[in-house]
Amino acid sequence: MNKTKTDHVRAVVVAAMLSAVAFVLMFLDFSVPFLIPNFVKMDFSELPALLAAFALGPLWGVVVCLVKNLIHLLFTSTAGAGELANFLLGVCFVLPAGWLYRGNKTRGRALVGVLVGACCMAVLSIPINYYITYPVYSNFMPIDAILNMYRELRPSANSLLECLAIFNAPFTLLKGALTAALCFLVYKPLSPILHGGKL
């Protein structure tokens, strides 16, 4: 098998492994009281996708985001809205991060990449949630009930768009920052596996 085919097989194997880990991490979500209503959960399922974007290339990070959500779709009852939003937000995060890192593979460039990606994810979380996630969720919970959960934290909140800007965007930025910090902690120890040294 020539080197190109070997590299492709390795990338597929690593991406599959990271997709499986990402899928598991989606279930290990948790609430962050006092920052955002309890129905909005924190998880670190973008971490494997970010590792893939750095180790294999930005498009492989997108592949991991896609595969984990396709698998998760088999276990959901929200008409796929949550998975679609999760996929889009994940792409907003890992694609710019991986693309910027790919051009200059230094720690500083990686830091710039994850900061840009986290900011993109935070800003775009507003329209993605406003136009995709919450319209579907309102079929399961009235929008007034959703707003009332936000008002428990900020009584003066008047609209869903305001709540998304005040709560969800900073929360998403925090999620990106924490995921980036974890990535910096584990990337080097996992590098031999990610780059094929132990496959």
C-alpha atoms as a PDB file:
ATOM      1  CA  MET A   1       0.000   0.000   0.000  1.00  0.00           C
ATOM      2  CA  ASN A   2       1.499   3.345  -0.977  1.00  0.00           C
ATOM      3  CA  LYS A   3       1.981   6.190   1.479  1.00  0.00           C
ATOM      4  CA  THR A   4      -1.035   8.217   0.269  1.00  0.00           C
ATOM      5  CA  LYS A   5      -3.404   5.277   0.743  1.00  0.00           C
ATOM      6  CA  THR A   6      -1.832   4.456   4.097  1.00  0.00           C
ATOM      7  CA  ASP A   7      -2.287   8.038   5.281  1.00  0.00           C
ATOM      8  CA  HIS A   8      -5.913   8.021   4.141  1.00  0.00           C
ATOM      9  CA  VAL A   9      -6.655   4.739   5.924  1.00  0.00           C
ATOM     10  CA  ARG A  10      -5.002   6.066   9.071  1.00  0.00           C
ATOM     11  CA  ALA A  11      -7.063   9.267   8.876  1.00  0.00           C
ATOM     12  CA  VAL A  12     -10.284   7.286   8.490  1.00  0.00           C
ATOM     13  CA  VAL A  13      -9.432   5.051  11.452  1.00  0.00           C
ATOM     14  CA  VAL A  14      -8.494   7.994  13.681  1.00  0.00           C
ATOM     15  CA  ALA A  15     -11.586   9.956  12.622  1.00  0.00           C
ATOM     16  CA  ALA A  16     -13.819   6.964  13.359  1.00  0.00           C
ATOM     17  CA  MET A  17     -12.246   6.550  16.783  1.00  0.00           C
ATOM     18  CA  LEU A  18     -12.653  10.264  17.571  1.00  0.00           C
ATOM     19  CA  SER A  19     -16.255  10.222  16.314  1.00  0.00           C
ATOM     20  CA  ALA A  20     -17.061   7.407  18.725  1.00  0.00           C
ATOM     21  CA  VAL A  21     -15.507   9.323  21.616  1.00  0.00           C
ATOM     22  CA  ALA A  22     -17.398  12.475  20.602  1.00  0.00           C
ATOM     23  CA  PHE A  23     -20.666  10.535  20.540  1.00  0.00           C
ATOM     24  CA  VAL A  24     -20.072   9.278  24.075  1.00  0.00           C
ATOM     25  CA  LEU A  25     -19.146  12.775  25.275  1.00  0.00           C
ATOM     26  CA  MET A  26     -22.486  14.109  23.995  1.00  0.00           C
ATOM     27  CA  PHE A  27     -24.180  12.031  26.690  1.00  0.00           C
ATOM     28  CA  LEU A  28     -21.866  13.281  29.431  1.00  0.00           C
ATOM     29  CA  ASP A  29     -23.491  16.692  29.510  1.00  0.00           C
ATOM     30  CA  PHE A  30     -24.244  18.692  32.632  1.00  0.00           C
ATOM     31  CA  SER A  31     -26.023  21.847  33.759  1.00  0.00           C
ATOM     32  CA  VAL A  32     -24.249  25.028  34.771  1.00  0.00           C
ATOM     33  CA  PRO A  33     -26.527  26.626  37.389  1.00  0.00           C
ATOM     34  CA  PHE A  34     -26.776  30.402  37.641  1.00  0.00           C
ATOM     35  CA  LEU A  35     -25.245  30.917  34.177  1.00  0.00           C
ATOM     36  CA  ILE A  36     -27.965  29.554  31.915  1.00  0.00           C
ATOM     37  CA  PRO A  37     -31.271  27.637  32.276  1.00  0.00           C
ATOM     38  CA  ASN A  38     -30.861  23.963  33.147  1.00  0.00           C
ATOM     39  CA  PHE A  39     -32.222  22.704  29.840  1.00  0.00           C
ATOM     40  CA  VAL A  40     -29.108  24.107  28.117  1.00  0.00           C
ATOM     41  CA  LYS A  41     -26.278  21.688  28.833  1.00  0.00           C
ATOM     42  CA  MET A  42     -22.504  21.885  28.755  1.00  0.00           C
ATOM     43  CA  ASP A  43     -20.598  19.092  27.049  1.00  0.00           C
ATOM     44  CA  PHE A  44     -17.189  18.638  25.491  1.00  0.00           C
ATOM     45  CA  SER A  45     -18.123  16.614  22.421  1.00  0.00           C
ATOM     46  CA  GLU A  46     -16.354  19.133  20.159  1.00  0.00           C
ATOM     47  CA  LEU A  47     -13.016  18.151  21.723  1.00  0.00           C
ATOM     48  CA  PRO A  48     -12.464  15.064  19.519  1.00  0.00           C
ATOM     49  CA  ALA A  49     -13.471  17.080  16.444  1.00  0.00           C
ATOM     50  CA  LEU A  50     -10.952  19.771  17.367  1.00  0.00           C
ATOM     51  CA  LEU A  51      -8.264  17.124  17.819  1.00  0.00           C
ATOM     52  CA  ALA A  52      -9.121  15.758  14.373  1.00  0.00           C
ATOM     53  CA  ALA A  53      -8.986  19.240  12.836  1.00  0.00           C
ATOM     54  CA  PHE A  54      -5.508  19.804  14.253  1.00  0.00           C
ATOM     55  CA  ALA A  55      -4.074  16.343  13.639  1.00  0.00           C
ATOM     56  CA  LEU A  56      -5.695  15.418  10.314  1.00  0.00           C
ATOM     57  CA  GLY A  57      -6.943  18.674   8.842  1.00  0.00           C
ATOM     58  CA  PRO A  58      -9.995  20.931   9.188  1.00  0.00           C
ATOM     59  CA  LEU A  59     -12.286  18.833   6.988  1.00  0.00           C
ATOM     60  CA  TRP A  60     -11.699  15.798   9.194  1.00  0.00           C
ATOM     61  CA  GLY A  61     -12.896  17.870  12.142  1.00  0.00           C
ATOM     62  CA  VAL A  62     -16.104  18.514  10.203  1.00  0.00           C
ATOM     63  CA  VAL A  63     -16.408  14.776   9.501  1.00  0.00           C
ATOM     64  CA  VAL A  64     -16.200  13.982  13.223  1.00  0.00           C
ATOM     65  CA  CYS A  65     -18.894  16.598  13.959  1.00  0.00           C
ATOM     66  CA  LEU A  66     -21.112  15.046  11.292  1.00  0.00           C
ATOM     67  CA  VAL A  67     -20.650  11.410  12.276  1.00  0.00           C
ATOM     68  CA  LYS A  68     -21.235  11.947  16.011  1.00  0.00           C
ATOM     69  CA  ASN A  69     -24.489  13.776  15.273  1.00  0.00           C
ATOM     70  CA  LEU A  70     -25.683  11.206  12.746  1.00  0.00           C
ATOM     71  CA  ILE A  71     -25.197   8.498  15.358  1.00  0.00           C
ATOM     72  CA  HIS A  72     -26.814  10.635  18.064  1.00  0.00           C
ATOM     73  CA  LEU A  73     -29.785  11.177  15.756  1.00  0.00           C
ATOM     74  CA  LEU A  74     -30.696   7.524  16.312  1.00  0.00           C
ATOM     75  CA  PHE A  75     -31.260   8.231  20.011  1.00  0.00           C
ATOM     76  CA  THR A  76     -33.076  11.577  19.891  1.00  0.00           C
ATOM     77  CA  SER A  77     -36.696  12.687  19.964  1.00  0.00           C
ATOM     78  CA  THR A  78     -36.252  16.329  18.937  1.00  0.00           C
ATOM     79  CA  ALA A  79     -36.708  15.902  15.176  1.00  0.00           C
ATOM     80  CA  GLY A  80     -32.998  16.338  14.625  1.00  0.00           C
ATOM     81  CA  ALA A  81     -32.961  20.055  15.458  1.00  0.00           C
ATOM     82  CA  GLY A  82     -30.514  19.621  18.305  1.00  0.00           C
ATOM     83  CA  GLU A  83     -28.177  17.535  16.160  1.00  0.00           C
ATOM     84  CA  LEU A  84     -28.340  19.988  13.261  1.00  0.00           C
ATOM     85  CA  ALA A  85     -27.567  22.912  15.567  1.00  0.00           C
ATOM     86  CA  ASN A  86     -24.780  20.964  17.276  1.00  0.00           C
ATOM     87  CA  PHE A  87     -23.258  20.088  13.913  1.00  0.00           C
ATOM     88  CA  LEU A  88     -23.398  23.669  12.630  1.00  0.00           C
ATOM     89  CA  LEU A  89     -21.925  25.081  15.835  1.00  0.00           C
ATOM     90  CA  GLY A  90     -19.223  22.439  15.856  1.00  0.00           C
ATOM     91  CA  VAL A  91     -18.276  23.324  12.279  1.00  0.00           C
ATOM     92  CA  CYS A  92     -18.184  27.014  13.220  1.00  0.00           C
ATOM     93  CA  PHE A  93     -15.655  26.081  15.895  1.00  0.00           C
ATOM     94  CA  VAL A  94     -13.368  23.447  14.385  1.00  0.00           C
ATOM     95  CA  LEU A  95     -13.234  24.594  10.766  1.00  0.00           C
ATOM     96  CA  PRO A  96     -11.617  28.014  11.346  1.00  0.00           C
ATOM     97  CA  ALA A  97      -9.454  26.602  14.142  1.00  0.00           C
ATOM     98  CA  GLY A  98      -8.159  23.767  11.963  1.00  0.00           C
ATOM     99  CA  TRP A  99      -7.758  25.978   8.901  1.00  0.00           C
ATOM    100  CA  LEU A 100      -5.714  28.603  10.736  1.00  0.00           C
ATOM    101  CA  TYR A 101      -3.549  25.958  12.401  1.00  0.00           C
ATOM    102  CA  ARG A 102      -2.969  24.138   9.129  1.00  0.00           C
ATOM    103  CA  GLY A 103      -1.290  27.180   7.613  1.00  0.00           C
ATOM    104  CA  ASN A 104       1.297  27.442  10.400  1.00  0.00           C
ATOM    105  CA  LYS A 105       1.488  24.584  12.882  1.00  0.00           C
ATOM    106  CA  THR A 106       2.659  26.392  15.990  1.00  0.00           C
ATOM    107  CA  ARG A 107       1.184  26.606  19.461  1.00  0.00           C
ATOM    108  CA  GLY A 108       0.536  30.317  18.966  1.00  0.00           C
ATOM    109  CA  ARG A 109      -1.295  29.689  15.709  1.00  0.00           C
ATOM    110  CA  ALA A 110      -3.352  26.962  17.379  1.00  0.00           C
ATOM    111  CA  LEU A 111      -4.312  29.435  20.103  1.00  0.00           C
ATOM    112  CA  VAL A 112      -5.385  32.016  17.543  1.00  0.00           C
ATOM    113  CA  GLY A 113      -7.351  29.327  15.724  1.00  0.00           C
ATOM    114  CA  VAL A 114      -9.327  28.172  18.760  1.00  0.00           C
ATOM    115  CA  LEU A 115     -10.041  31.761  19.820  1.00  0.00           C
ATOM    116  CA  VAL A 116     -11.362  32.613  16.359  1.00  0.00           C
ATOM    117  CA  GLY A 117     -13.351  29.384  16.276  1.00  0.00           C
ATOM    118  CA  ALA A 118     -14.841  29.946  19.728  1.00  0.00           C
ATOM    119  CA  CYS A 119     -15.864  33.487  18.807  1.00  0.00           C
ATOM    120  CA  CYS A 120     -17.427  32.316  15.533  1.00  0.00           C
ATOM    121  CA  MET A 121     -19.341  29.612  17.378  1.00  0.00           C
ATOM    122  CA  ALA A 122     -20.556  32.063  20.029  1.00  0.00           C
ATOM    123  CA  VAL A 123     -21.739  34.707  17.552  1.00  0.00           C
ATOM    124  CA  LEU A 124     -23.403  32.241  15.201  1.00  0.00           C
ATOM    125  CA  SER A 125     -25.093  30.434  18.095  1.00  0.00           C
ATOM    126  CA  ILE A 126     -27.599  33.301  18.156  1.00  0.00           C
ATOM    127  CA  PRO A 127     -29.083  32.838  14.646  1.00  0.00           C
ATOM    128  CA  ILE A 128     -28.660  29.058  14.728  1.00  0.00           C
ATOM    129  CA  ASN A 129     -30.612  28.748  17.967  1.00  0.00           C
ATOM    130  CA  TYR A 130     -33.133  31.435  17.011  1.00  0.00           C
ATOM    131  CA  TYR A 131     -33.995  30.017  13.590  1.00  0.00           C
ATOM    132  CA  ILE A 132     -33.361  26.280  14.044  1.00  0.00           C
ATOM    133  CA  THR A 133     -33.247  24.983  17.603  1.00  0.00           C
ATOM    134  CA  TYR A 134     -35.892  26.946  19.474  1.00  0.00           C
ATOM    135  CA  PRO A 135     -38.623  26.894  16.794  1.00  0.00           C
ATOM    136  CA  VAL A 136     -38.514  23.087  16.994  1.00  0.00           C
ATOM    137  CA  TYR A 137     -38.186  22.990  20.787  1.00  0.00           C
ATOM    138  CA  SER A 138     -41.223  25.265  21.086  1.00  0.00           C
ATOM    139  CA  ASN A 139     -43.280  22.324  19.801  1.00  0.00           C
ATOM    140  CA  PHE A 140     -42.338  20.465  22.969  1.00  0.00           C
ATOM    141  CA  MET A 141     -42.293  23.412  25.368  1.00  0.00           C
ATOM    142  CA  PRO A 142     -44.185  26.708  24.826  1.00  0.00           C
ATOM    143  CA  ILE A 143     -41.897  29.620  24.076  1.00  0.00           C
ATOM    144  CA  ASP A 144     -43.299  31.490  27.093  1.00  0.00           C
ATOM    145  CA  ALA A 145     -42.210  28.636  29.337  1.00  0.00           C
ATOM    146  CA  ILE A 146     -38.733  28.781  27.803  1.00  0.00           C
ATOM    147  CA  LEU A 147     -38.561  32.539  28.337  1.00  0.00           C
ATOM    148  CA  ASN A 148     -39.708  32.148  31.927  1.00  0.00           C
ATOM    149  CA  MET A 149     -36.748  29.870  32.595  1.00  0.00           C
ATOM    150  CA  TYR A 150     -34.444  32.627  31.359  1.00  0.00           C
ATOM    151  CA  ARG A 151     -36.350  35.187  33.440  1.00  0.00           C
ATOM    152  CA  GLU A 152     -35.551  33.214  36.568  1.00  0.00           C
ATOM    153  CA  LEU A 153     -31.982  34.362  35.961  1.00  0.00           C
ATOM    154  CA  ARG A 154     -32.785  37.778  34.479  1.00  0.00           C
ATOM    155  CA  PRO A 155     -36.325  38.984  35.267  1.00  0.00           C
ATOM    156  CA  SER A 156     -36.091  41.874  32.795  1.00  0.00           C
ATOM    157  CA  ALA A 157     -35.513  39.613  29.763  1.00  0.00           C
ATOM    158  CA  ASN A 158     -38.103  40.531  27.125  1.00  0.00           C
ATOM    159  CA  SER A 159     -37.439  38.357  24.103  1.00  0.00           C
ATOM    160  CA  LEU A 160     -35.842  35.119  23.003  1.00  0.00           C
ATOM    161  CA  LEU A 161     -33.318  36.999  20.885  1.00  0.00           C
ATOM    162  CA  GLU A 162     -32.241  39.010  23.921  1.00  0.00           C
ATOM    163  CA  CYS A 163     -31.867  35.829  25.972  1.00  0.00           C
ATOM    164  CA  LEU A 164     -29.769  34.172  23.295  1.00  0.00           C
ATOM    165  CA  ALA A 165     -27.452  37.187  23.150  1.00  0.00           C
ATOM    166  CA  ILE A 166     -27.158  37.570  26.934  1.00  0.00           C
ATOM    167  CA  PHE A 167     -27.005  33.916  27.956  1.00  0.00           C
ATOM    168  CA  ASN A 168     -26.376  31.496  25.103  1.00  0.00           C
ATOM    169  CA  ALA A 169     -23.634  33.359  23.242  1.00  0.00           C
ATOM    170  CA  PRO A 170     -21.389  33.851  26.317  1.00  0.00           C
ATOM    171  CA  PHE A 171     -22.145  30.290  27.417  1.00  0.00           C
ATOM    172  CA  THR A 172     -21.114  29.002  23.995  1.00  0.00           C
ATOM    173  CA  LEU A 173     -17.951  31.098  24.122  1.00  0.00           C
ATOM    174  CA  LEU A 174     -17.157  29.571  27.525  1.00  0.00           C
ATOM    175  CA  LYS A 175     -17.754  26.106  26.113  1.00  0.00           C
ATOM    176  CA  GLY A 176     -15.346  26.823  23.271  1.00  0.00           C
ATOM    177  CA  ALA A 177     -12.715  28.195  25.630  1.00  0.00           C
ATOM    178  CA  LEU A 178     -12.927  25.169  27.952  1.00  0.00           C
ATOM    179  CA  THR A 179     -12.816  22.765  25.008  1.00  0.00           C
ATOM    180  CA  ALA A 180      -9.753  24.578  23.683  1.00  0.00           C
ATOM    181  CA  ALA A 181      -8.053  24.363  27.084  1.00  0.00           C
ATOM    182  CA  LEU A 182      -8.697  20.615  27.220  1.00  0.00           C
ATOM    183  CA  CYS A 183      -7.354  20.261  23.697  1.00  0.00           C
ATOM    184  CA  PHE A 184      -4.096  21.954  24.677  1.00  0.00           C
ATOM    185  CA  LEU A 185      -3.811  19.605  27.657  1.00  0.00           C
ATOM    186  CA  VAL A 186      -4.357  16.339  25.792  1.00  0.00           C
ATOM    187  CA  TYR A 187      -3.105  17.004  22.252  1.00  0.00           C
ATOM    188  CA  LYS A 188       0.580  16.358  22.898  1.00  0.00           C
ATOM    189  CA  PRO A 189       0.074  13.143  24.954  1.00  0.00           C
ATOM    190  CA  LEU A 190      -2.323  11.829  22.279  1.00  0.00           C
ATOM    191  CA  SER A 191      -0.195  12.980  19.359  1.00  0.00           C
ATOM    192  CA  PRO A 192       1.436   9.575  18.711  1.00  0.00           C
ATOM    193  CA  ILE A 193      -1.999   7.984  18.355  1.00  0.00           C
ATOM    194  CA  LEU A 194      -3.477  10.862  16.340  1.00  0.00           C
ATOM    195  CA  HIS A 195      -0.553  10.825  13.927  1.00  0.00           C
ATOM    196  CA  GLY A 196      -0.425   7.065  13.533  1.00  0.00           C
ATOM    197  CA  GLY A 197       2.506   6.174  15.737  1.00  0.00           C
ATOM    198  CA  LYS A 198       0.503   3.514  17.577  1.00  0.00           C
ATOM    199  CA  LEU A 199      -1.974   2.386  14.939  1.00  0.00           C
END
